[in-house]
Protein backbone atom coordinates (compact mmCIF):
# COMPACT_ATOMS: atom_id res chain seq x y z
CA MET A 1 -25.42 -30.64 20.28
CA GLU A 2 -23.47 -33.81 21.00
CA GLN A 3 -24.64 -35.24 17.67
CA ASN A 4 -22.78 -32.36 15.99
CA GLY A 5 -19.59 -33.11 17.90
CA TYR A 6 -20.02 -30.60 20.70
CA THR A 7 -19.52 -31.64 24.30
CA GLU A 8 -20.08 -29.91 27.59
CA GLU A 9 -16.29 -29.70 28.00
CA SER A 10 -15.81 -27.99 24.65
CA TYR A 11 -18.51 -25.46 25.49
CA GLU A 12 -16.95 -24.74 28.87
CA ALA A 13 -13.51 -24.36 27.28
CA TRP A 14 -14.93 -21.92 24.73
CA ARG A 15 -16.82 -20.00 27.42
CA ASP A 16 -13.72 -19.74 29.61
CA ASN A 17 -11.54 -18.77 26.63
CA ALA A 18 -9.42 -21.88 27.17
CA SER A 19 -10.26 -23.57 23.90
CA GLU A 20 -6.61 -24.01 22.85
CA GLY A 21 -5.86 -26.18 25.87
CA ALA A 22 -8.87 -28.36 25.11
CA GLY A 23 -7.71 -29.03 21.56
CA ILE A 24 -10.17 -26.61 19.99
CA PRO A 25 -8.80 -24.06 17.51
CA ASP A 26 -8.64 -20.49 18.75
CA MET A 27 -12.01 -18.84 18.27
CA GLU A 28 -11.07 -15.30 19.30
CA LEU A 29 -11.94 -12.45 17.01
CA PRO A 30 -9.00 -10.72 15.33
CA GLY A 31 -7.76 -7.57 17.00
CA VAL A 32 -8.47 -4.08 15.73
CA ASP A 33 -4.85 -3.64 14.62
CA GLU A 34 -5.04 -6.80 12.53
CA LEU A 35 -8.31 -5.72 10.93
CA VAL A 36 -6.95 -2.25 10.11
CA GLU A 37 -3.81 -3.76 8.58
CA LYS A 38 -5.86 -6.13 6.41
CA LYS A 39 -8.08 -3.26 5.27
CA LEU A 40 -5.04 -1.17 4.33
CA LEU A 41 -3.48 -4.07 2.43
CA LEU A 42 -6.72 -4.72 0.57
CA GLY A 43 -6.79 -1.02 -0.35
CA VAL A 44 -3.27 -1.25 -1.76
CA LEU A 45 -4.23 -4.38 -3.69
CA ALA A 46 -7.27 -2.59 -5.13
CA ASP A 47 -5.04 0.32 -6.20
CA ALA A 48 -2.60 -2.12 -7.79
CA MET A 49 -5.40 -3.77 -9.75
CA ASP A 50 -6.71 -0.35 -10.81
CA SER A 51 -3.27 0.47 -12.20
CA LEU A 52 -3.62 -2.34 -14.76
CA LEU A 53 -5.30 -2.09 -18.14
CA PRO A 54 -8.76 -3.76 -18.25
CA GLU A 55 -7.52 -6.83 -20.15
CA GLU A 56 -4.54 -7.14 -17.78
CA ARG A 57 -6.87 -6.87 -14.77
CA GLU A 58 -9.11 -9.59 -16.18
CA LEU A 59 -6.12 -11.86 -16.79
CA ALA A 60 -4.82 -11.26 -13.25
CA MET A 61 -8.23 -11.95 -11.71
CA LYS A 62 -8.61 -15.23 -13.57
CA VAL A 63 -5.06 -16.55 -13.23
CA PHE A 64 -4.13 -15.24 -9.77
CA GLY A 65 -7.54 -14.78 -8.15
CA GLU A 66 -9.57 -17.67 -9.52
CA GLN A 67 -6.41 -19.78 -10.06
CA ILE A 68 -7.40 -20.83 -13.55
CA PRO A 69 -4.38 -22.46 -15.24
CA VAL A 70 -2.99 -20.55 -18.23
CA THR A 71 -3.53 -23.59 -20.45
CA GLU A 72 -7.22 -23.80 -19.53
CA LEU A 73 -7.72 -20.04 -19.92
CA SER A 74 -6.07 -20.05 -23.34
CA GLN A 75 -8.49 -22.79 -24.44
CA GLN A 76 -11.44 -20.79 -23.10
CA ILE A 77 -10.52 -17.61 -24.98
CA GLY A 78 -9.09 -19.38 -28.02
CA GLY A 79 -5.61 -17.88 -27.81
CA SER A 80 -2.08 -19.19 -27.72
CA ARG A 81 -0.92 -20.57 -24.38
CA ARG A 82 2.56 -19.10 -24.89
CA THR A 83 1.18 -15.63 -25.61
CA LEU A 84 -1.08 -15.77 -22.57
CA ALA A 85 1.78 -16.99 -20.36
CA PHE A 86 3.92 -14.09 -21.61
CA ARG A 87 1.13 -11.61 -20.81
CA LYS A 88 0.68 -13.15 -17.36
CA ASP A 89 4.40 -12.67 -16.65
CA LYS A 90 4.17 -9.02 -17.78
CA VAL A 91 1.16 -8.40 -15.52
CA LEU A 92 2.97 -10.01 -12.60
CA GLU A 93 5.99 -7.78 -13.22
CA LYS A 94 3.75 -4.68 -13.32
CA LEU A 95 2.21 -5.68 -10.00
CA ARG A 96 5.63 -6.31 -8.45
CA HIS A 97 6.79 -2.90 -9.64
CA PHE A 98 3.66 -1.27 -8.17
CA PHE A 99 4.20 -2.91 -4.78
CA ARG A 100 7.90 -2.01 -4.71
CA GLU A 101 7.03 1.62 -5.44
CA HIS A 102 4.64 1.57 -2.49
CA GLY A 103 7.20 0.17 -0.07
CA PHE A 104 6.38 -3.53 -0.12
CA ASP A 105 9.18 -6.06 -0.47
CA VAL A 106 8.06 -8.62 -3.05
């Protein structure tokens, strides 16, 4: 274990739930409230993506999800970078509108 960077002190700190004081990042599991909130937010995000047209959803997944630059994506699909950037801005505005309608401040 010591070859992998673990020491007896780090194990004891983890066991005693005192890892922060020993310089080890917090290893606690997230609370139920945090998990429920994340699940709700992911549900809202899924609904927002479902509200887009299929080509808009694909654009959003590639540009925002996979973080593919607009220039690179335009080269991949053989379209104009300016047109694709305009469409990206329209999709972003649709998503902002969706979130505002559902009570999120974006």
